[in-house]
Amino acid sequence: MFRLTPPSEAQVRHFISGQADSGFSYPEVGRSANAIPSGYNVDHNRIQIGRGALIWQRAVEAIRAWQMFSMPWVRLYWPSAPIKVGAEVAVLMRHFGFYSLNACRIVYVVDENARVKRFGFAYGTLKEHAQRGEERFMVEWNRDEDQVWYDILAFSRPREMLARLGYPLARSLQKKFGEESKRAMRAVVSGL
C-alpha cells in the first residue's frame, strides 16, 4: 500500500487484521531455509557482530525484539509481535517522498542448539506487499571459533506496478536496508 502520508496506528491495526485470510504472494514458501528458487533477486548480508555468550544472548534478544529494523526510515508494526510461525507484521518505509506499508507473515523459526547455535526466523510477503518473496533474519554463534554472526538472506522480485516501474530504486532500498540492518544489530549487541 503506497501513501503520501504515514498511516495512523488505527489504520495500521486495521491493515494487519485484514491480512488474517491473505495468502502469501509467492509460491515458494519456506525456500529461504534451503534452496533459493530461480527467478528472484537474491540478497545475502552477513556480518560478525562479536564474540562470546553475552553477545549471543544480546543478539537473540535483539532478534526477538525486531531490533534489526531500527532505522530512521523504517518502522515495524509491532516490535512486540512474537517470533512464531503465523505472526503477522507490517513494515512502513518512508522513501522518495512517500510511504509504503507492506504485510508479512512469519513462515518458519530457526532455534538450533548445536555446535553452531542459530536463532531467527523468515517472513514471507503477503498480497499487500510491493514485493514478493521471503527474508530470513538469523544470528549464529560458532562456539568453536567463538564468533557471533548476523545473517540476512532474501529472495524477492517486484509485485506492485510501482515497484516494477521503480525497479532500480527498489533494489537500492533493499541494499540500503541490508547495510543498515547490519549496523543496527552491531550497535544493539555492542551496547552503543
C-alpha atoms as a PDB file:
ATOM      1  CA  MET A   1       0.000   0.000   0.000  1.00  0.00           C
ATOM      2  CA  PHE A   2       1.561   3.277  -1.132  1.00  0.00           C
ATOM      3  CA  ARG A   3       0.645   6.526   0.667  1.00  0.00           C
ATOM      4  CA  LEU A   4       1.618  10.194   0.679  1.00  0.00           C
ATOM      5  CA  THR A   5       1.244  10.415   4.477  1.00  0.00           C
ATOM      6  CA  PRO A   6       2.047   7.952   7.231  1.00  0.00           C
ATOM      7  CA  PRO A   7      -0.906   5.854   8.409  1.00  0.00           C
ATOM      8  CA  SER A   8      -2.365   6.229  11.897  1.00  0.00           C
ATOM      9  CA  GLU A   9      -1.905   3.389  14.373  1.00  0.00           C
ATOM     10  CA  ALA A  10      -5.600   2.545  13.966  1.00  0.00           C
ATOM     11  CA  GLN A  11      -5.128   2.293  10.183  1.00  0.00           C
ATOM     12  CA  VAL A  12      -2.124   0.003  10.659  1.00  0.00           C
ATOM     13  CA  ARG A  13      -4.060  -2.218  13.080  1.00  0.00           C
ATOM     14  CA  HIS A  14      -6.887  -2.458  10.542  1.00  0.00           C
ATOM     15  CA  PHE A  15      -4.371  -3.213   7.764  1.00  0.00           C
ATOM     16  CA  ILE A  16      -2.725  -6.022   9.770  1.00  0.00           C
ATOM     17  CA  SER A  17      -6.031  -7.533  10.917  1.00  0.00           C
ATOM     18  CA  GLY A  18      -7.108  -7.589   7.279  1.00  0.00           C
ATOM     19  CA  GLN A  19      -4.209  -9.927   6.479  1.00  0.00           C
ATOM     20  CA  ALA A  20      -5.571 -12.863   8.501  1.00  0.00           C
ATOM     21  CA  ASP A  21      -7.051 -14.537   5.417  1.00  0.00           C
ATOM     22  CA  SER A  22      -4.413 -13.294   2.989  1.00  0.00           C
ATOM     23  CA  GLY A  23      -2.214 -15.829   1.295  1.00  0.00           C
ATOM     24  CA  PHE A  24       1.450 -15.487   0.515  1.00  0.00           C
ATOM     25  CA  SER A  25       2.225 -13.580  -2.673  1.00  0.00           C
ATOM     26  CA  TYR A  26       4.722 -16.200  -3.920  1.00  0.00           C
ATOM     27  CA  PRO A  27       4.522 -19.998  -4.213  1.00  0.00           C
ATOM     28  CA  GLU A  28       7.957 -20.989  -2.845  1.00  0.00           C
ATOM     29  CA  VAL A  29       7.108 -20.503   0.838  1.00  0.00           C
ATOM     30  CA  GLY A  30       9.911 -21.618   3.157  1.00  0.00           C
ATOM     31  CA  ARG A  31      12.597 -21.838   0.495  1.00  0.00           C
ATOM     32  CA  SER A  32      14.962 -19.399   2.249  1.00  0.00           C
ATOM     33  CA  ALA A  33      15.715 -22.335   4.552  1.00  0.00           C
ATOM     34  CA  ASN A  34      17.406 -24.377   1.831  1.00  0.00           C
ATOM     35  CA  ALA A  35      17.408 -23.964  -1.962  1.00  0.00           C
ATOM     36  CA  ILE A  36      16.617 -20.441  -3.180  1.00  0.00           C
ATOM     37  CA  PRO A  37      14.198 -20.601  -6.125  1.00  0.00           C
ATOM     38  CA  SER A  38      15.263 -19.260  -9.507  1.00  0.00           C
ATOM     39  CA  GLY A  39      13.802 -16.106 -10.999  1.00  0.00           C
ATOM     40  CA  TYR A  40      14.335 -13.912  -7.944  1.00  0.00           C
ATOM     41  CA  ASN A  41      16.869 -11.318  -6.863  1.00  0.00           C
ATOM     42  CA  VAL A  42      18.947 -12.703  -4.021  1.00  0.00           C
ATOM     43  CA  ASP A  43      20.467 -10.546  -1.299  1.00  0.00           C
ATOM     44  CA  HIS A  44      22.741 -12.122   1.288  1.00  0.00           C
ATOM     45  CA  ASN A  45      24.180  -9.932   4.033  1.00  0.00           C
ATOM     46  CA  ARG A  46      26.363 -11.334   6.785  1.00  0.00           C
ATOM     47  CA  ILE A  47      28.468  -9.648   9.448  1.00  0.00           C
ATOM     48  CA  GLN A  48      30.348 -10.738  12.536  1.00  0.00           C
ATOM     49  CA  ILE A  49      28.813  -8.809  15.436  1.00  0.00           C
ATOM     50  CA  GLY A  50      31.014 -10.013  18.262  1.00  0.00           C
ATOM     51  CA  ARG A  51      32.220 -12.935  20.347  1.00  0.00           C
ATOM     52  CA  GLY A  52      31.044 -14.909  23.328  1.00  0.00           C
ATOM     53  CA  ALA A  53      27.933 -15.904  25.234  1.00  0.00           C
ATOM     54  CA  LEU A  54      26.928 -12.368  26.243  1.00  0.00           C
ATOM     55  CA  ILE A  55      26.937 -11.135  22.640  1.00  0.00           C
ATOM     56  CA  TRP A  56      24.999 -14.265  21.608  1.00  0.00           C
ATOM     57  CA  GLN A  57      22.337 -13.605  24.261  1.00  0.00           C
ATOM     58  CA  ARG A  58      22.049  -9.953  23.227  1.00  0.00           C
ATOM     59  CA  ALA A  59      21.780 -10.945  19.565  1.00  0.00           C
ATOM     60  CA  VAL A  60      18.963 -13.427  20.269  1.00  0.00           C
ATOM     61  CA  GLU A  61      17.094 -10.811  22.315  1.00  0.00           C
ATOM     62  CA  ALA A  62      17.609  -8.262  19.531  1.00  0.00           C
ATOM     63  CA  ILE A  63      16.001 -10.639  17.021  1.00  0.00           C
ATOM     64  CA  ARG A  64      13.105 -11.327  19.432  1.00  0.00           C
ATOM     65  CA  ALA A  65      12.558  -7.537  19.735  1.00  0.00           C
ATOM     66  CA  TRP A  66      12.881  -6.947  15.959  1.00  0.00           C
ATOM     67  CA  GLN A  67      15.755  -4.508  16.597  1.00  0.00           C
ATOM     68  CA  MET A  68      17.274  -5.215  13.194  1.00  0.00           C
ATOM     69  CA  PHE A  69      14.594  -2.794  11.934  1.00  0.00           C
ATOM     70  CA  SER A  70      15.970   0.124  13.987  1.00  0.00           C
ATOM     71  CA  MET A  71      16.391   2.641  11.165  1.00  0.00           C
ATOM     72  CA  PRO A  72      15.014   6.181  10.889  1.00  0.00           C
ATOM     73  CA  TRP A  73      13.182   5.455   7.620  1.00  0.00           C
ATOM     74  CA  VAL A  74      11.670   2.091   8.643  1.00  0.00           C
ATOM     75  CA  ARG A  75       9.030   1.331  11.240  1.00  0.00           C
ATOM     76  CA  LEU A  76       7.886  -2.140  12.197  1.00  0.00           C
ATOM     77  CA  TYR A  77       4.346  -2.706  13.420  1.00  0.00           C
ATOM     78  CA  TRP A  78       4.653  -4.134  16.049  1.00  0.00           C
ATOM     79  CA  PRO A  79       8.027  -4.912  17.635  1.00  0.00           C
ATOM     80  CA  SER A  80       6.100  -6.831  20.293  1.00  0.00           C
ATOM     81  CA  ALA A  81       4.970  -9.393  17.677  1.00  0.00           C
ATOM     82  CA  PRO A  82       6.042 -12.844  18.839  1.00  0.00           C
ATOM     83  CA  ILE A  83       8.632 -14.746  16.865  1.00  0.00           C
ATOM     84  CA  LYS A  84       6.367 -17.643  15.956  1.00  0.00           C
ATOM     85  CA  VAL A  85       5.018 -19.166  12.769  1.00  0.00           C
ATOM     86  CA  GLY A  86       1.950 -17.288  11.581  1.00  0.00           C
ATOM     87  CA  ALA A  87       2.694 -13.971  13.318  1.00  0.00           C
ATOM     88  CA  GLU A  88       1.884 -11.053  11.025  1.00  0.00           C
ATOM     89  CA  VAL A  89       3.615  -7.687  10.895  1.00  0.00           C
ATOM     90  CA  ALA A  90       3.587  -4.608   8.724  1.00  0.00           C
ATOM     91  CA  VAL A  91       6.695  -2.711   7.663  1.00  0.00           C
ATOM     92  CA  LEU A  92       6.309   1.000   6.949  1.00  0.00           C
ATOM     93  CA  MET A  93       9.046   2.547   4.830  1.00  0.00           C
ATOM     94  CA  ARG A  94       9.482   6.242   4.086  1.00  0.00           C
ATOM     95  CA  HIS A  95      11.228   6.744   0.770  1.00  0.00           C
ATOM     96  CA  PHE A  96      11.328   9.108  -2.176  1.00  0.00           C
ATOM     97  CA  GLY A  97       8.611  11.376  -0.763  1.00  0.00           C
ATOM     98  CA  PHE A  98       6.018   8.725   0.042  1.00  0.00           C
ATOM     99  CA  TYR A  99       5.326   5.793   2.350  1.00  0.00           C
ATOM    100  CA  SER A 100       4.761   2.134   1.654  1.00  0.00           C
ATOM    101  CA  LEU A 101       3.097  -0.216   4.122  1.00  0.00           C
ATOM    102  CA  ASN A 102       3.840  -3.878   3.466  1.00  0.00           C
ATOM    103  CA  ALA A 103       2.428  -7.026   5.065  1.00  0.00           C
ATOM    104  CA  CYS A 104       4.470 -10.093   6.043  1.00  0.00           C
ATOM    105  CA  ARG A 105       3.894 -13.344   7.939  1.00  0.00           C
ATOM    106  CA  ILE A 106       6.468 -15.499   9.720  1.00  0.00           C
ATOM    107  CA  VAL A 107       6.987 -18.695   7.717  1.00  0.00           C
ATOM    108  CA  TYR A 108       9.376 -20.606   9.979  1.00  0.00           C
ATOM    109  CA  VAL A 109      11.524 -20.173  13.080  1.00  0.00           C
ATOM    110  CA  VAL A 110      15.120 -21.345  13.498  1.00  0.00           C
ATOM    111  CA  ASP A 111      16.217 -22.382  17.004  1.00  0.00           C
ATOM    112  CA  GLU A 112      19.172 -24.766  16.879  1.00  0.00           C
ATOM    113  CA  ASN A 113      21.368 -25.659  19.822  1.00  0.00           C
ATOM    114  CA  ALA A 114      24.280 -27.497  18.216  1.00  0.00           C
ATOM    115  CA  ARG A 115      27.995 -26.667  17.932  1.00  0.00           C
ATOM    116  CA  VAL A 116      26.819 -23.708  15.884  1.00  0.00           C
ATOM    117  CA  LYS A 117      23.814 -22.244  17.676  1.00  0.00           C
ATOM    118  CA  ARG A 118      21.268 -20.490  15.452  1.00  0.00           C
ATOM    119  CA  PHE A 119      18.233 -18.382  16.190  1.00  0.00           C
ATOM    120  CA  GLY A 120      15.994 -16.455  13.852  1.00  0.00           C
ATOM    121  CA  PHE A 121      13.056 -16.613  11.506  1.00  0.00           C
ATOM    122  CA  ALA A 122      11.912 -15.970   7.968  1.00  0.00           C
ATOM    123  CA  TYR A 123       8.913 -13.996   6.927  1.00  0.00           C
ATOM    124  CA  GLY A 124       7.167 -14.039   3.601  1.00  0.00           C
ATOM    125  CA  THR A 125       5.327 -11.352   1.716  1.00  0.00           C
ATOM    126  CA  LEU A 126       1.542 -11.316   1.686  1.00  0.00           C
ATOM    127  CA  LYS A 127      -0.768  -9.967  -1.014  1.00  0.00           C
ATOM    128  CA  GLU A 128      -0.459  -6.434   0.461  1.00  0.00           C
ATOM    129  CA  HIS A 129       3.267  -6.099  -0.244  1.00  0.00           C
ATOM    130  CA  ALA A 130       5.009  -4.299  -3.108  1.00  0.00           C
ATOM    131  CA  GLN A 131       7.454  -7.194  -3.499  1.00  0.00           C
ATOM    132  CA  ARG A 132       7.020 -10.942  -3.478  1.00  0.00           C
ATOM    133  CA  GLY A 133       9.462 -13.214  -1.719  1.00  0.00           C
ATOM    134  CA  GLU A 134      10.965 -14.147   1.597  1.00  0.00           C
ATOM    135  CA  GLU A 135      13.551 -12.805   4.025  1.00  0.00           C
ATOM    136  CA  ARG A 136      15.387 -14.686   6.764  1.00  0.00           C
ATOM    137  CA  PHE A 137      16.910 -12.926   9.779  1.00  0.00           C
ATOM    138  CA  MET A 138      19.277 -15.088  11.805  1.00  0.00           C
ATOM    139  CA  VAL A 139      22.054 -14.927  14.361  1.00  0.00           C
ATOM    140  CA  GLU A 140      24.504 -17.729  14.893  1.00  0.00           C
ATOM    141  CA  TRP A 141      27.227 -18.497  17.389  1.00  0.00           C
ATOM    142  CA  ASN A 142      30.039 -20.751  16.245  1.00  0.00           C
ATOM    143  CA  ARG A 143      31.203 -21.852  19.684  1.00  0.00           C
ATOM    144  CA  ASP A 144      34.397 -23.498  18.390  1.00  0.00           C
ATOM    145  CA  GLU A 145      35.569 -20.189  16.916  1.00  0.00           C
ATOM    146  CA  ASP A 146      33.621 -18.094  19.460  1.00  0.00           C
ATOM    147  CA  GLN A 147      32.178 -15.869  16.744  1.00  0.00           C
ATOM    148  CA  VAL A 148      28.654 -14.430  16.650  1.00  0.00           C
ATOM    149  CA  TRP A 149      27.253 -13.556  13.233  1.00  0.00           C
ATOM    150  CA  TYR A 150      24.153 -11.767  11.959  1.00  0.00           C
ATOM    151  CA  ASP A 151      22.860 -13.099   8.661  1.00  0.00           C
ATOM    152  CA  ILE A 152      20.096 -11.832   6.350  1.00  0.00           C
ATOM    153  CA  LEU A 153      19.083 -13.838   3.304  1.00  0.00           C
ATOM    154  CA  ALA A 154      16.323 -12.653   0.988  1.00  0.00           C
ATOM    155  CA  PHE A 155      14.866 -13.539  -2.363  1.00  0.00           C
ATOM    156  CA  SER A 156      12.414 -11.174  -3.993  1.00  0.00           C
ATOM    157  CA  ARG A 157      11.001  -9.680  -7.150  1.00  0.00           C
ATOM    158  CA  PRO A 158       8.606  -6.777  -7.692  1.00  0.00           C
ATOM    159  CA  ARG A 159       4.873  -7.447  -7.434  1.00  0.00           C
ATOM    160  CA  GLU A 160       3.256  -3.998  -7.468  1.00  0.00           C
ATOM    161  CA  MET A 161       3.299  -1.926 -10.659  1.00  0.00           C
ATOM    162  CA  LEU A 162       5.068   0.965  -8.907  1.00  0.00           C
ATOM    163  CA  ALA A 163       7.734  -1.445  -7.642  1.00  0.00           C
ATOM    164  CA  ARG A 164       8.221  -2.775 -11.183  1.00  0.00           C
ATOM    165  CA  LEU A 165       8.416   0.721 -12.645  1.00  0.00           C
ATOM    166  CA  GLY A 166      10.814   1.826  -9.928  1.00  0.00           C
ATOM    167  CA  TYR A 167      12.848  -1.388 -10.008  1.00  0.00           C
ATOM    168  CA  PRO A 168      16.300   0.276  -9.696  1.00  0.00           C
ATOM    169  CA  LEU A 169      15.056   2.360  -6.758  1.00  0.00           C
ATOM    170  CA  ALA A 170      13.507  -0.689  -5.101  1.00  0.00           C
ATOM    171  CA  ARG A 171      16.780  -2.591  -5.421  1.00  0.00           C
ATOM    172  CA  SER A 172      18.721   0.336  -3.927  1.00  0.00           C
ATOM    173  CA  LEU A 173      16.315   0.356  -0.962  1.00  0.00           C
ATOM    174  CA  GLN A 174      16.791  -3.377  -0.461  1.00  0.00           C
ATOM    175  CA  LYS A 175      20.559  -2.953  -0.423  1.00  0.00           C
ATOM    176  CA  LYS A 176      20.284   0.041   1.928  1.00  0.00           C
ATOM    177  CA  PHE A 177      18.070  -1.987   4.263  1.00  0.00           C
ATOM    178  CA  GLY A 178      20.636  -4.814   4.402  1.00  0.00           C
ATOM    179  CA  GLU A 179      23.508  -2.469   5.243  1.00  0.00           C
ATOM    180  CA  GLU A 180      21.563  -0.502   7.855  1.00  0.00           C
ATOM    181  CA  SER A 181      20.143  -3.656   9.412  1.00  0.00           C
ATOM    182  CA  LYS A 182      23.681  -4.972   9.929  1.00  0.00           C
ATOM    183  CA  ARG A 183      24.671  -1.657  11.541  1.00  0.00           C
ATOM    184  CA  ALA A 184      21.600  -1.739  13.791  1.00  0.00           C
ATOM    185  CA  MET A 185      22.377  -5.239  15.028  1.00  0.00           C
ATOM    186  CA  ARG A 186      26.034  -4.462  15.640  1.00  0.00           C
ATOM    187  CA  ALA A 187      25.060  -1.354  17.633  1.00  0.00           C
ATOM    188  CA  VAL A 188      22.463  -3.215  19.699  1.00  0.00           C
ATOM    189  CA  VAL A 189      24.687  -6.109  20.719  1.00  0.00           C
ATOM    190  CA  SER A 190      27.694  -3.902  21.470  1.00  0.00           C
ATOM    191  CA  GLY A 191      25.565  -1.653  23.666  1.00  0.00           C
ATOM    192  CA  LEU A 192      26.058   1.505  21.582  1.00  0.00           C
END
